[in-house]
Amino acid sequence: MRFASHVTAHLRRGIMQRGQALAAILADLLAGKDKRGALAAVGLDSKPGLRPEEKVRAALDAIEARRKMIDADDDRYGRCDVCGDDLGLPALGEMPWADRCQKHLRD
């Protein structure tokens, strides 16, 4: 186990909260509401070529993948998907759904 159980529980809560926020945005998008501000607030406004609902669905898929990793106590959780470097607990505390290190954020 990479993290103490109370740390894992805290990180999982953060992942779930992010997922709930994204699901609410997706529901509003599908209902025809303008959510440009909400997309910007969650950092999903910069992916060109995708419709807003596609951006949110992709983000929800990524959230689900992180949740499954943390639930399975997968050693890959908390590491960069590109280089494998440890993201560090302070960074995960801020963004428990993170999947890339600073060096690979734009990849």
N, C-alpha and C. Protein backbone atom coordinates (compact mmCIF):
# COMPACT_ATOMS: atom_id res chain seq x y z
N MET A 1 0.85 -1.18 0.00
CA MET A 1 0.00 0.00 0.00
C MET A 1 0.89 1.24 0.00
N ARG A 2 0.70 2.11 -0.99
CA ARG A 2 1.52 3.31 -1.11
C ARG A 2 1.15 4.38 -0.10
N PHE A 3 -0.13 4.48 0.21
CA PHE A 3 -0.61 5.55 1.10
C PHE A 3 -1.34 4.93 2.29
N ALA A 4 -1.31 5.64 3.40
CA ALA A 4 -2.08 5.20 4.56
C ALA A 4 -3.57 5.23 4.19
N SER A 5 -4.36 4.41 4.87
CA SER A 5 -5.77 4.29 4.51
C SER A 5 -6.52 5.61 4.63
N HIS A 6 -6.20 6.44 5.62
CA HIS A 6 -6.89 7.73 5.75
C HIS A 6 -6.51 8.67 4.61
N VAL A 7 -5.28 8.57 4.12
CA VAL A 7 -4.85 9.39 2.98
C VAL A 7 -5.56 8.93 1.72
N THR A 8 -5.62 7.61 1.53
CA THR A 8 -6.32 7.06 0.37
C THR A 8 -7.78 7.48 0.38
N ALA A 9 -8.42 7.44 1.54
CA ALA A 9 -9.83 7.83 1.64
C ALA A 9 -10.01 9.30 1.27
N HIS A 10 -9.10 10.14 1.71
CA HIS A 10 -9.17 11.57 1.39
C HIS A 10 -9.00 11.79 -0.12
N LEU A 11 -8.03 11.12 -0.71
CA LEU A 11 -7.79 11.25 -2.15
C LEU A 11 -8.99 10.75 -2.95
N ARG A 12 -9.55 9.64 -2.52
CA ARG A 12 -10.71 9.07 -3.21
C ARG A 12 -11.90 10.04 -3.15
N ARG A 13 -12.09 10.67 -2.00
CA ARG A 13 -13.17 11.67 -1.88
C ARG A 13 -12.97 12.80 -2.88
N GLY A 14 -11.74 13.25 -3.02
CA GLY A 14 -11.45 14.31 -3.98
C GLY A 14 -11.73 13.89 -5.41
N ILE A 15 -11.39 12.65 -5.74
CA ILE A 15 -11.68 12.11 -7.07
C ILE A 15 -13.18 12.06 -7.30
N MET A 16 -13.91 11.59 -6.32
CA MET A 16 -15.37 11.47 -6.45
C MET A 16 -16.03 12.84 -6.57
N GLN A 17 -15.55 13.82 -5.82
CA GLN A 17 -16.11 15.17 -5.91
C GLN A 17 -15.89 15.75 -7.30
N ARG A 18 -14.71 15.53 -7.85
CA ARG A 18 -14.42 15.99 -9.21
C ARG A 18 -15.37 15.31 -10.19
N GLY A 19 -15.57 14.02 -10.04
CA GLY A 19 -16.49 13.29 -10.91
C GLY A 19 -17.91 13.81 -10.81
N GLN A 20 -18.36 14.12 -9.62
CA GLN A 20 -19.71 14.65 -9.43
C GLN A 20 -19.85 16.02 -10.10
N ALA A 21 -18.84 16.86 -9.97
CA ALA A 21 -18.88 18.18 -10.60
C ALA A 21 -18.92 18.04 -12.12
N LEU A 22 -18.12 17.14 -12.66
CA LEU A 22 -18.11 16.94 -14.11
C LEU A 22 -19.44 16.35 -14.59
N ALA A 23 -20.00 15.44 -13.82
CA ALA A 23 -21.29 14.85 -14.21
C ALA A 23 -22.39 15.91 -14.23
N ALA A 24 -22.35 16.85 -13.30
CA ALA A 24 -23.34 17.93 -13.28
C ALA A 24 -23.17 18.84 -14.50
N ILE A 25 -21.93 19.12 -14.86
CA ILE A 25 -21.68 19.94 -16.06
C ILE A 25 -22.17 19.21 -17.30
N LEU A 26 -21.90 17.92 -17.39
CA LEU A 26 -22.35 17.13 -18.54
C LEU A 26 -23.87 17.14 -18.64
N ALA A 27 -24.55 16.97 -17.53
CA ALA A 27 -26.01 16.98 -17.53
C ALA A 27 -26.53 18.32 -18.05
N ASP A 28 -25.92 19.40 -17.61
CA ASP A 28 -26.34 20.73 -18.08
C ASP A 28 -26.06 20.90 -19.57
N LEU A 29 -24.91 20.43 -20.03
CA LEU A 29 -24.59 20.51 -21.45
C LEU A 29 -25.61 19.75 -22.29
N LEU A 30 -25.94 18.56 -21.84
CA LEU A 30 -26.90 17.74 -22.57
C LEU A 30 -28.30 18.34 -22.55
N ALA A 31 -28.56 19.18 -21.56
CA ALA A 31 -29.85 19.88 -21.48
C ALA A 31 -29.84 21.17 -22.29
N GLY A 32 -28.72 21.45 -22.96
CA GLY A 32 -28.63 22.61 -23.83
C GLY A 32 -28.17 23.89 -23.15
N LYS A 33 -27.67 23.79 -21.92
CA LYS A 33 -27.22 24.98 -21.21
C LYS A 33 -25.80 25.35 -21.63
N ASP A 34 -25.52 26.65 -21.62
CA ASP A 34 -24.19 27.16 -21.94
C ASP A 34 -23.31 27.00 -20.71
N LYS A 35 -22.29 26.17 -20.80
CA LYS A 35 -21.43 25.89 -19.64
C LYS A 35 -19.98 26.29 -19.92
N ARG A 36 -19.77 27.28 -20.79
CA ARG A 36 -18.39 27.70 -21.10
C ARG A 36 -17.63 28.12 -19.85
N GLY A 37 -18.29 28.85 -18.98
CA GLY A 37 -17.64 29.28 -17.74
C GLY A 37 -17.27 28.11 -16.85
N ALA A 38 -18.17 27.15 -16.75
CA ALA A 38 -17.91 25.96 -15.93
C ALA A 38 -16.78 25.13 -16.52
N LEU A 39 -16.74 25.03 -17.84
CA LEU A 39 -15.66 24.28 -18.50
C LEU A 39 -14.32 24.96 -18.24
N ALA A 40 -14.29 26.27 -18.30
CA ALA A 40 -13.06 27.01 -18.01
C ALA A 40 -12.65 26.81 -16.56
N ALA A 41 -13.62 26.81 -15.66
CA ALA A 41 -13.33 26.68 -14.23
C ALA A 41 -12.70 25.33 -13.89
N VAL A 42 -13.04 24.28 -14.65
CA VAL A 42 -12.47 22.95 -14.39
C VAL A 42 -11.34 22.62 -15.36
N GLY A 43 -10.91 23.60 -16.16
CA GLY A 43 -9.76 23.42 -17.02
C GLY A 43 -10.03 22.62 -18.28
N LEU A 44 -11.26 22.59 -18.74
CA LEU A 44 -11.59 21.80 -19.93
C LEU A 44 -11.93 22.68 -21.14
N ASP A 45 -11.51 23.91 -21.11
CA ASP A 45 -11.83 24.82 -22.20
C ASP A 45 -10.73 24.90 -23.25
N SER A 46 -9.62 24.23 -23.04
CA SER A 46 -8.47 24.40 -23.94
C SER A 46 -8.23 23.24 -24.89
N LYS A 47 -9.14 22.27 -24.96
CA LYS A 47 -8.95 21.13 -25.84
C LYS A 47 -9.69 21.37 -27.16
N PRO A 48 -8.97 21.83 -28.18
CA PRO A 48 -9.64 22.10 -29.46
C PRO A 48 -10.06 20.82 -30.16
N GLY A 49 -11.06 20.94 -31.01
CA GLY A 49 -11.47 19.81 -31.83
C GLY A 49 -12.53 18.92 -31.23
N LEU A 50 -12.86 19.13 -29.99
CA LEU A 50 -13.89 18.32 -29.35
C LEU A 50 -15.07 19.20 -28.97
N ARG A 51 -16.26 18.63 -29.06
CA ARG A 51 -17.45 19.33 -28.55
C ARG A 51 -17.37 19.33 -27.03
N PRO A 52 -18.00 20.31 -26.38
CA PRO A 52 -17.92 20.39 -24.92
C PRO A 52 -18.30 19.09 -24.22
N GLU A 53 -19.37 18.44 -24.67
CA GLU A 53 -19.77 17.20 -23.99
C GLU A 53 -18.74 16.09 -24.18
N GLU A 54 -18.01 16.10 -25.30
CA GLU A 54 -16.94 15.12 -25.51
C GLU A 54 -15.78 15.37 -24.55
N LYS A 55 -15.46 16.64 -24.33
CA LYS A 55 -14.40 16.99 -23.38
C LYS A 55 -14.75 16.48 -21.98
N VAL A 56 -15.99 16.70 -21.59
CA VAL A 56 -16.41 16.31 -20.24
C VAL A 56 -16.45 14.79 -20.13
N ARG A 57 -16.95 14.11 -21.14
CA ARG A 57 -16.98 12.64 -21.10
C ARG A 57 -15.58 12.06 -21.00
N ALA A 58 -14.63 12.62 -21.75
CA ALA A 58 -13.24 12.16 -21.67
C ALA A 58 -12.68 12.38 -20.27
N ALA A 59 -12.98 13.54 -19.68
CA ALA A 59 -12.52 13.82 -18.32
C ALA A 59 -13.15 12.86 -17.32
N LEU A 60 -14.43 12.54 -17.51
CA LEU A 60 -15.10 11.58 -16.63
C LEU A 60 -14.48 10.19 -16.76
N ASP A 61 -14.12 9.80 -17.97
CA ASP A 61 -13.44 8.52 -18.18
C ASP A 61 -12.11 8.49 -17.43
N ALA A 62 -11.38 9.60 -17.49
CA ALA A 62 -10.10 9.68 -16.78
C ALA A 62 -10.31 9.61 -15.27
N ILE A 63 -11.34 10.27 -14.77
CA ILE A 63 -11.66 10.23 -13.34
C ILE A 63 -11.97 8.80 -12.92
N GLU A 64 -12.78 8.12 -13.72
CA GLU A 64 -13.14 6.72 -13.40
C GLU A 64 -11.91 5.83 -13.38
N ALA A 65 -10.99 6.06 -14.30
CA ALA A 65 -9.75 5.27 -14.32
C ALA A 65 -8.95 5.49 -13.05
N ARG A 66 -8.86 6.74 -12.59
CA ARG A 66 -8.13 7.03 -11.35
C ARG A 66 -8.83 6.40 -10.15
N ARG A 67 -10.17 6.46 -10.14
CA ARG A 67 -10.91 5.86 -9.03
C ARG A 67 -10.65 4.36 -8.96
N LYS A 68 -10.67 3.71 -10.12
CA LYS A 68 -10.42 2.27 -10.14
C LYS A 68 -9.01 1.96 -9.66
N MET A 69 -8.05 2.78 -10.04
CA MET A 69 -6.67 2.55 -9.59
C MET A 69 -6.56 2.67 -8.08
N ILE A 70 -7.14 3.73 -7.54
CA ILE A 70 -7.02 3.93 -6.09
C ILE A 70 -7.77 2.84 -5.33
N ASP A 71 -8.92 2.41 -5.85
CA ASP A 71 -9.69 1.35 -5.20
C ASP A 71 -8.94 0.02 -5.23
N ALA A 72 -8.18 -0.21 -6.30
CA ALA A 72 -7.43 -1.46 -6.44
C ALA A 72 -6.05 -1.38 -5.78
N ASP A 73 -5.74 -0.23 -5.15
CA ASP A 73 -4.42 0.00 -4.57
C ASP A 73 -3.33 -0.25 -5.61
N ASP A 74 -3.62 0.19 -6.83
CA ASP A 74 -2.70 0.05 -7.96
C ASP A 74 -1.52 1.00 -7.76
N ASP A 75 -0.32 0.48 -7.83
CA ASP A 75 0.90 1.26 -7.61
C ASP A 75 1.06 2.37 -8.65
N ARG A 76 0.35 2.29 -9.77
CA ARG A 76 0.45 3.34 -10.80
C ARG A 76 -0.29 4.62 -10.39
N TYR A 77 -1.23 4.51 -9.45
CA TYR A 77 -1.93 5.72 -8.99
C TYR A 77 -0.91 6.64 -8.32
N GLY A 78 -0.96 7.90 -8.69
CA GLY A 78 -0.05 8.88 -8.11
C GLY A 78 1.26 8.99 -8.84
N ARG A 79 1.34 8.34 -9.99
CA ARG A 79 2.55 8.41 -10.82
C ARG A 79 2.16 8.97 -12.19
N CYS A 80 3.11 9.61 -12.83
CA CYS A 80 2.90 10.16 -14.16
C CYS A 80 2.66 9.03 -15.16
N ASP A 81 1.60 9.15 -15.96
CA ASP A 81 1.30 8.15 -16.97
C ASP A 81 2.34 8.11 -18.08
N VAL A 82 3.12 9.17 -18.23
CA VAL A 82 4.11 9.23 -19.30
C VAL A 82 5.47 8.68 -18.85
N CYS A 83 5.99 9.23 -17.74
CA CYS A 83 7.34 8.86 -17.32
C CYS A 83 7.40 7.99 -16.07
N GLY A 84 6.29 7.88 -15.35
CA GLY A 84 6.27 7.05 -14.15
C GLY A 84 6.77 7.73 -12.89
N ASP A 85 7.17 9.01 -12.98
CA ASP A 85 7.63 9.72 -11.79
C ASP A 85 6.49 9.88 -10.79
N ASP A 86 6.86 9.83 -9.52
CA ASP A 86 5.88 10.02 -8.45
C ASP A 86 5.41 11.48 -8.46
N LEU A 87 4.11 11.69 -8.42
CA LEU A 87 3.57 13.05 -8.45
C LEU A 87 3.71 13.75 -7.11
N GLY A 88 3.82 13.00 -6.06
CA GLY A 88 3.97 13.57 -4.73
C GLY A 88 2.63 13.84 -4.07
N LEU A 89 2.57 13.59 -2.79
CA LEU A 89 1.34 13.76 -2.04
C LEU A 89 0.82 15.20 -2.03
N PRO A 90 1.68 16.22 -1.95
CA PRO A 90 1.14 17.59 -2.02
C PRO A 90 0.38 17.86 -3.33
N ALA A 91 0.92 17.41 -4.44
CA ALA A 91 0.25 17.61 -5.73
C ALA A 91 -1.05 16.80 -5.79
N LEU A 92 -1.01 15.57 -5.31
CA LEU A 92 -2.22 14.74 -5.30
C LEU A 92 -3.27 15.31 -4.35
N GLY A 93 -2.84 15.94 -3.28
CA GLY A 93 -3.78 16.57 -2.37
C GLY A 93 -4.54 17.70 -3.05
N GLU A 94 -3.87 18.39 -3.95
CA GLU A 94 -4.51 19.48 -4.71
C GLU A 94 -5.37 18.93 -5.84
N MET A 95 -4.87 17.91 -6.52
CA MET A 95 -5.56 17.33 -7.68
C MET A 95 -5.43 15.81 -7.63
N PRO A 96 -6.26 15.13 -6.84
CA PRO A 96 -6.12 13.68 -6.70
C PRO A 96 -6.39 12.91 -7.99
N TRP A 97 -6.94 13.56 -8.99
CA TRP A 97 -7.20 12.93 -10.28
C TRP A 97 -6.02 13.12 -11.25
N ALA A 98 -4.95 13.77 -10.81
CA ALA A 98 -3.81 14.05 -11.68
C ALA A 98 -3.22 12.76 -12.25
N ASP A 99 -2.81 12.85 -13.52
CA ASP A 99 -2.22 11.68 -14.17
C ASP A 99 -0.90 11.99 -14.86
N ARG A 100 -0.44 13.24 -14.72
CA ARG A 100 0.81 13.63 -15.38
C ARG A 100 1.61 14.54 -14.46
N CYS A 101 2.92 14.46 -14.57
CA CYS A 101 3.80 15.36 -13.84
C CYS A 101 3.84 16.71 -14.55
N GLN A 102 4.43 17.69 -13.93
CA GLN A 102 4.54 19.04 -14.51
C GLN A 102 5.18 19.00 -15.89
N LYS A 103 6.18 18.15 -16.02
CA LYS A 103 6.94 18.06 -17.28
C LYS A 103 6.07 17.58 -18.43
N HIS A 104 5.06 16.76 -18.16
CA HIS A 104 4.26 16.14 -19.22
C HIS A 104 2.81 16.62 -19.27
N LEU A 105 2.50 17.73 -18.63
CA LEU A 105 1.12 18.23 -18.60
C LEU A 105 0.57 18.49 -19.99
N ARG A 106 1.36 18.91 -20.92
CA ARG A 106 0.88 19.26 -22.26
C ARG A 106 0.86 18.09 -23.22
N ASP A 107 1.35 16.93 -22.79
CA ASP A 107 1.37 15.73 -23.66
C ASP A 107 -0.01 15.13 -23.81
